[in-house]
Amino acid sequence: MAGEVSLDRDHSDYILVRDTIRFISERWRDQPELETIAAAVGTDAGHLHRLFTRWAGLTPKAFVQALTLDEARRMLDQSSSILDTAYEVGLSGPGRLHDLFVTHEAMSPGAYKARGAGVTIAYGFHNSPFGTALVMATDRGLAGIAFADPGEEQKAFRDMSARWPAATYVQDEVVTAPYARQVFDPTVWSQDRPIRLVFIGSDFEVRVWETLLRIPLGKATTYSDIARHIGNPNAARAVGSAVGRNPLSFVVPCHRVLGREGDLCGYHWGLTRKKAILGWETGLARRLGSAEVERG
């Protein structure tokens, strides 16, 4: 299938992009030249420039700046109004775009308290632009997304399955493959075919995750701002815990939450991957913004 071929290519590209981002993250203060970056990741400058620009929407040199603390702070320039505006106009994406065109529902409190008992979860491993993705689904919709570096797939599965230890797990890539493509291939995002999400968590966690869906593509907000929007302004620490337990990485954009001073903070699936996702989204937001301008 064409979609599978594209994801395979994206997966191999991600390995090189991941190593590039890791090198830049460690050496950005030195303002490394393209040739230096390319040599460090084992490729030539021309190939790296083309691949990275296509993948992230900006050049490696531009990405050096994009990953600095100043860039993170720039993302927060309007953080006090991002969620206010999103709630007011009912959008969770730029312009007419809803990031992934999602619909969602929460599993019953009883199912959560029973730690997943009576719930069957299909799971599968798939290539994605950010490494291997563990995709998990119930008969009601997408329930989990996690990431793993090569050789760490079972570690990711143990992490996710421990959240709902009483559930029944069945490995079935036939069930999860359509979700993987719908999540990671922007060309198939469609308002007419929304992704149905199933939240399995406490009432507080679900409220936090629902708020995360309001953060627009290419923007960021803070833990304290989320706490304010769920009606508990003193719960920033608890919000941080709920963000860290988000079971639907990338789709529910916990990577768009930064510290009060713009620091990137942690990310359950690795800070390098968080930077990679933010860079990928920056490029996508620019391309989508240009397309909307052209359409008028």
Protein backbone atom coordinates (compact mmCIF):
# COMPACT_ATOMS: atom_id res chain seq x y z
CA MET A 1 0.00 0.00 0.00
CA ALA A 2 1.18 3.51 -0.79
CA GLY A 3 0.53 4.67 2.77
CA GLU A 4 2.64 1.85 4.22
CA VAL A 5 5.53 2.64 1.84
CA SER A 6 5.38 6.29 2.91
CA LEU A 7 5.45 5.39 6.60
CA ASP A 8 8.38 3.01 6.04
CA ARG A 9 10.33 5.83 4.40
CA ASP A 10 9.35 8.23 7.17
CA HIS A 11 10.53 5.70 9.75
CA SER A 12 14.02 5.41 8.21
CA ASP A 13 14.17 9.17 7.75
CA TYR A 14 13.29 9.63 11.40
CA ILE A 15 16.39 7.72 12.55
CA LEU A 16 18.63 10.20 10.73
CA VAL A 17 16.53 13.19 11.80
CA ARG A 18 16.48 11.94 15.39
CA ASP A 19 20.28 11.69 15.45
CA THR A 20 20.53 15.15 13.90
CA ILE A 21 18.24 16.66 16.51
CA ARG A 22 20.14 14.92 19.28
CA PHE A 23 23.44 16.36 18.03
CA ILE A 24 21.96 19.86 17.61
CA SER A 25 20.39 19.67 21.07
CA GLU A 26 23.78 18.94 22.60
CA ARG A 27 25.77 21.43 20.52
CA TRP A 28 23.43 24.32 19.70
CA ARG A 29 25.49 26.74 21.77
CA ASP A 30 28.38 26.16 19.34
CA GLN A 31 26.15 27.11 16.37
CA PRO A 32 27.46 24.15 14.32
CA GLU A 33 27.63 24.47 10.54
CA LEU A 34 25.70 22.08 8.28
CA GLU A 35 28.87 20.19 7.31
CA THR A 36 29.68 19.59 10.98
CA ILE A 37 26.17 18.32 11.71
CA ALA A 38 26.17 16.04 8.64
CA ALA A 39 29.54 14.52 9.52
CA ALA A 40 28.36 13.84 13.07
CA VAL A 41 25.35 11.82 11.86
CA GLY A 42 27.19 10.01 9.08
CA THR A 43 25.78 11.55 5.90
CA ASP A 44 26.64 14.30 3.44
CA ALA A 45 25.54 17.90 3.86
CA GLY A 46 23.40 18.04 0.72
CA HIS A 47 21.37 14.95 1.58
CA LEU A 48 20.88 16.04 5.18
CA HIS A 49 19.78 19.52 4.09
CA ARG A 50 17.18 18.13 1.67
CA LEU A 51 15.88 15.43 4.01
CA PHE A 52 15.68 17.59 7.09
CA THR A 53 14.03 20.48 5.24
CA ARG A 54 11.42 18.16 3.72
CA TRP A 55 10.79 16.41 7.03
CA ALA A 56 10.66 19.39 9.38
CA GLY A 57 9.84 22.30 7.05
CA LEU A 58 13.03 24.19 7.93
CA THR A 59 16.76 23.72 7.44
CA PRO A 60 19.08 22.12 10.01
CA LYS A 61 20.66 25.52 10.59
CA ALA A 62 17.27 27.06 11.27
CA PHE A 63 16.50 24.19 13.60
CA VAL A 64 19.57 25.04 15.66
CA GLN A 65 17.77 28.23 16.60
CA ALA A 66 14.35 26.59 16.86
CA LEU A 67 15.49 24.35 19.69
CA THR A 68 16.91 27.05 21.91
CA LEU A 69 15.23 28.29 25.05
CA ASP A 70 14.41 31.55 23.29
CA GLU A 71 12.36 29.63 20.72
CA ALA A 72 10.46 27.87 23.47
CA ARG A 73 9.76 31.23 25.08
CA ARG A 74 8.61 32.61 21.73
CA MET A 75 6.07 29.81 21.54
CA LEU A 76 4.69 31.02 24.85
CA ASP A 77 4.37 34.69 23.89
CA GLN A 78 0.60 34.36 23.62
CA SER A 79 0.13 31.45 25.99
CA SER A 80 -2.20 33.38 28.27
CA SER A 81 -4.69 33.74 25.43
CA ILE A 82 -4.19 30.54 23.41
CA LEU A 83 -6.61 28.42 25.42
CA ASP A 84 -8.98 31.32 26.03
CA THR A 85 -9.25 31.90 22.28
CA ALA A 86 -9.58 28.21 21.47
CA TYR A 87 -12.44 27.78 23.93
CA GLU A 88 -14.16 30.92 22.74
CA VAL A 89 -14.17 30.05 19.06
CA GLY A 90 -14.39 26.27 19.47
CA LEU A 91 -11.20 25.48 17.58
CA SER A 92 -8.24 23.29 18.45
CA GLY A 93 -6.21 24.06 15.34
CA PRO A 94 -5.18 27.02 13.20
CA GLY A 95 -7.80 28.61 10.97
CA ARG A 96 -10.37 26.10 9.76
CA LEU A 97 -8.14 23.14 10.60
CA HIS A 98 -8.78 20.85 13.53
CA ASP A 99 -5.39 19.14 13.97
CA LEU A 100 -6.50 15.55 13.58
CA PHE A 101 -10.28 16.01 13.38
CA VAL A 102 -10.91 13.97 16.50
CA THR A 103 -13.97 13.00 18.45
CA HIS A 104 -13.58 11.54 21.89
CA GLU A 105 -15.37 9.90 24.77
CA ALA A 106 -14.30 8.71 28.20
CA MET A 107 -14.51 5.12 29.34
CA SER A 108 -16.95 4.74 32.21
CA PRO A 109 -15.53 5.50 35.68
CA GLY A 110 -16.31 1.92 36.62
CA ALA A 111 -14.10 0.55 33.85
CA TYR A 112 -11.27 2.83 34.91
CA LYS A 113 -11.58 1.88 38.58
CA ALA A 114 -11.60 -1.78 37.57
CA ARG A 115 -8.20 -1.09 35.96
CA GLY A 116 -9.47 -2.11 32.53
CA ALA A 117 -11.20 -5.33 33.55
CA GLY A 118 -13.61 -6.44 30.84
CA VAL A 119 -11.90 -4.29 28.18
CA THR A 120 -10.11 -5.90 25.23
CA ILE A 121 -7.29 -3.82 23.74
CA ALA A 122 -5.75 -4.64 20.37
CA TYR A 123 -2.19 -3.44 19.89
CA GLY A 124 0.42 -3.30 17.15
CA PHE A 125 3.78 -1.77 16.32
CA HIS A 126 4.03 0.54 13.32
CA ASN A 127 6.55 2.85 11.69
CA SER A 128 5.98 6.55 12.23
CA PRO A 129 7.81 9.83 11.62
CA PHE A 130 9.00 9.62 15.25
CA GLY A 131 10.27 6.05 15.46
CA THR A 132 8.30 2.89 16.19
CA ALA A 133 4.79 3.67 17.41
CA LEU A 134 2.80 1.35 19.66
CA VAL A 135 -0.85 1.79 18.69
CA MET A 136 -3.63 0.49 20.96
CA ALA A 137 -7.37 0.38 20.27
CA THR A 138 -10.61 -0.91 21.73
CA ASP A 139 -13.75 -1.65 19.76
CA ARG A 140 -14.81 1.94 20.53
CA GLY A 141 -11.73 3.70 19.19
CA LEU A 142 -8.08 4.60 19.63
CA ALA A 143 -6.97 4.20 23.26
CA GLY A 144 -3.20 4.50 23.29
CA ILE A 145 -0.12 5.65 21.39
CA ALA A 146 3.43 5.26 22.66
CA PHE A 147 6.88 5.42 21.08
CA ALA A 148 9.94 3.19 21.22
CA ASP A 149 13.48 3.21 19.92
CA PRO A 150 14.73 0.00 18.25
CA GLY A 151 14.81 -2.88 20.70
CA GLU A 152 12.59 -1.13 23.25
CA GLU A 153 9.20 -2.10 21.84
CA GLN A 154 8.31 -4.49 24.66
CA LYS A 155 9.38 -1.93 27.24
CA ALA A 156 6.88 0.51 25.74
CA PHE A 157 4.18 -2.17 25.76
CA ARG A 158 4.83 -2.98 29.43
CA ASP A 159 4.63 0.72 30.27
CA MET A 160 1.28 1.14 28.54
CA SER A 161 -0.33 -2.14 29.59
CA ALA A 162 0.55 -1.41 33.24
CA ARG A 163 -1.88 1.50 33.09
CA TRP A 164 -4.79 -0.91 32.60
CA PRO A 165 -3.40 -4.16 34.06
CA ALA A 166 -6.70 -6.03 34.17
CA ALA A 167 -7.48 -5.50 30.47
CA THR A 168 -7.11 -8.26 27.87
CA TYR A 169 -4.41 -7.54 25.27
CA VAL A 170 -4.35 -9.00 21.76
CA GLN A 171 -1.60 -8.19 19.25
CA ASP A 172 -3.37 -7.43 15.98
CA GLU A 173 -1.69 -5.10 13.49
CA VAL A 174 -4.62 -5.52 11.09
CA VAL A 175 -6.81 -3.65 13.60
CA THR A 176 -4.25 -0.99 14.52
CA ALA A 177 -2.72 -0.25 11.08
CA PRO A 178 -5.60 1.98 9.88
CA TYR A 179 -5.27 4.05 13.06
CA ALA A 180 -1.51 4.38 12.54
CA ARG A 181 -1.98 5.75 9.06
CA GLN A 182 -4.80 8.07 10.04
CA VAL A 183 -2.72 9.52 12.90
CA PHE A 184 0.65 9.95 11.21
CA ASP A 185 -0.21 10.74 7.59
CA PRO A 186 -1.49 14.34 7.31
CA THR A 187 -2.67 13.73 3.74
CA VAL A 188 -5.53 11.57 5.07
CA TRP A 189 -6.63 13.86 7.92
CA SER A 190 -10.24 14.63 7.20
CA GLN A 191 -13.10 16.32 9.00
CA ASP A 192 -15.40 13.82 7.32
CA ARG A 193 -13.59 10.86 8.87
CA PRO A 194 -12.62 11.84 12.42
CA ILE A 195 -10.45 9.71 14.65
CA ARG A 196 -12.46 8.41 17.59
CA LEU A 197 -10.50 8.48 20.83
CA VAL A 198 -11.31 6.56 23.98
CA PHE A 199 -9.95 8.08 27.19
CA ILE A 200 -9.28 5.60 29.99
CA GLY A 201 -8.37 7.61 33.08
CA SER A 202 -9.63 9.36 36.18
CA ASP A 203 -12.09 12.24 35.87
CA PHE A 204 -9.28 14.72 36.57
CA GLU A 205 -6.96 13.17 33.98
CA VAL A 206 -9.68 13.17 31.33
CA ARG A 207 -10.36 16.86 31.95
CA VAL A 208 -6.66 17.61 31.48
CA TRP A 209 -6.43 15.52 28.32
CA GLU A 210 -9.52 17.18 26.87
CA THR A 211 -7.88 20.56 27.51
CA LEU A 212 -4.69 19.43 25.75
CA LEU A 213 -6.75 18.88 22.61
CA ARG A 214 -7.42 22.63 22.58
CA ILE A 215 -3.76 23.63 22.15
CA PRO A 216 -3.37 24.68 18.50
CA LEU A 217 -0.81 23.18 16.16
CA GLY A 218 2.43 25.17 16.30
CA LYS A 219 1.60 26.74 19.67
CA ALA A 220 2.34 25.92 23.30
CA THR A 221 0.91 26.56 26.73
CA THR A 222 1.86 26.00 30.37
CA TYR A 223 0.81 23.64 33.15
CA SER A 224 -0.55 26.57 35.16
CA ASP A 225 -2.67 27.78 32.24
CA ILE A 226 -4.19 24.31 31.88
CA ALA A 227 -4.88 24.22 35.62
CA ARG A 228 -6.72 27.53 35.32
CA HIS A 229 -8.85 26.23 32.47
CA ILE A 230 -9.98 23.14 34.34
CA GLY A 231 -11.07 25.36 37.23
CA ASN A 232 -8.27 24.51 39.65
CA PRO A 233 -5.55 27.18 39.29
CA ASN A 234 -3.49 25.76 42.17
CA ALA A 235 -3.23 22.31 40.63
CA ALA A 236 -0.31 22.88 38.25
CA ARG A 237 1.68 20.02 39.81
CA ALA A 238 -1.26 17.62 39.53
CA VAL A 239 -1.77 18.78 35.94
CA GLY A 240 1.86 17.91 35.26
CA SER A 241 1.28 14.38 36.53
CA ALA A 242 -1.82 13.98 34.36
CA VAL A 243 0.03 15.31 31.31
CA GLY A 244 2.79 12.78 31.97
CA ARG A 245 0.21 9.98 32.05
CA ASN A 246 -1.39 10.97 28.74
CA PRO A 247 -1.93 7.61 26.99
CA LEU A 248 -2.44 9.11 23.53
CA SER A 249 0.89 10.73 22.75
CA PHE A 250 1.02 12.99 19.69
CA VAL A 251 -2.76 12.85 19.12
CA VAL A 252 -3.42 14.43 22.50
CA PRO A 253 -0.59 16.98 22.29
CA CYS A 254 1.11 16.85 25.69
CA HIS A 255 4.32 17.80 23.84
CA ARG A 256 2.90 21.33 23.45
CA VAL A 257 3.03 21.96 27.21
CA LEU A 258 6.10 23.86 28.42
CA GLY A 259 7.37 25.17 31.73
CA ARG A 260 6.49 28.63 32.99
CA GLU A 261 9.76 30.07 31.65
CA GLY A 262 9.51 28.32 28.31
CA ASP A 263 11.72 25.36 29.20
CA LEU A 264 10.82 22.18 27.35
CA CYS A 265 10.59 20.11 30.56
CA GLY A 266 10.44 16.35 30.23
CA TYR A 267 8.54 14.02 27.93
CA HIS A 268 7.58 10.47 28.79
CA TRP A 269 8.93 9.16 25.48
CA GLY A 270 12.15 11.19 25.47
CA LEU A 271 12.98 14.87 25.23
CA THR A 272 14.66 14.41 21.84
CA ARG A 273 11.43 12.96 20.49
CA LYS A 274 9.47 15.90 21.96
CA LYS A 275 11.74 18.31 20.10
CA ALA A 276 11.35 16.26 16.93
CA ILE A 277 7.55 16.38 17.15
CA LEU A 278 7.55 20.13 17.79
CA GLY A 279 9.85 20.67 14.81
CA TRP A 280 7.70 18.47 12.56
CA GLU A 281 4.59 20.37 13.64
CA THR A 282 6.28 23.74 13.06
CA GLY A 283 6.91 22.77 9.45
CA LEU A 284 3.41 21.35 9.03
CA ALA A 285 1.77 24.45 10.51
CA ARG A 286 3.69 26.67 8.10
CA ARG A 287 2.70 24.56 5.11
CA LEU A 288 -0.95 24.44 6.19
CA GLY A 289 -0.95 28.18 6.85
CA SER A 290 0.43 28.85 3.37
CA ALA A 291 -2.19 26.58 1.83
CA GLU A 292 -5.00 28.43 3.62
CA VAL A 293 -3.65 31.77 2.41
CA GLU A 294 -3.56 30.46 -1.18
CA ARG A 295 -7.17 29.26 -0.89
CA GLY A 296 -8.13 32.68 0.43
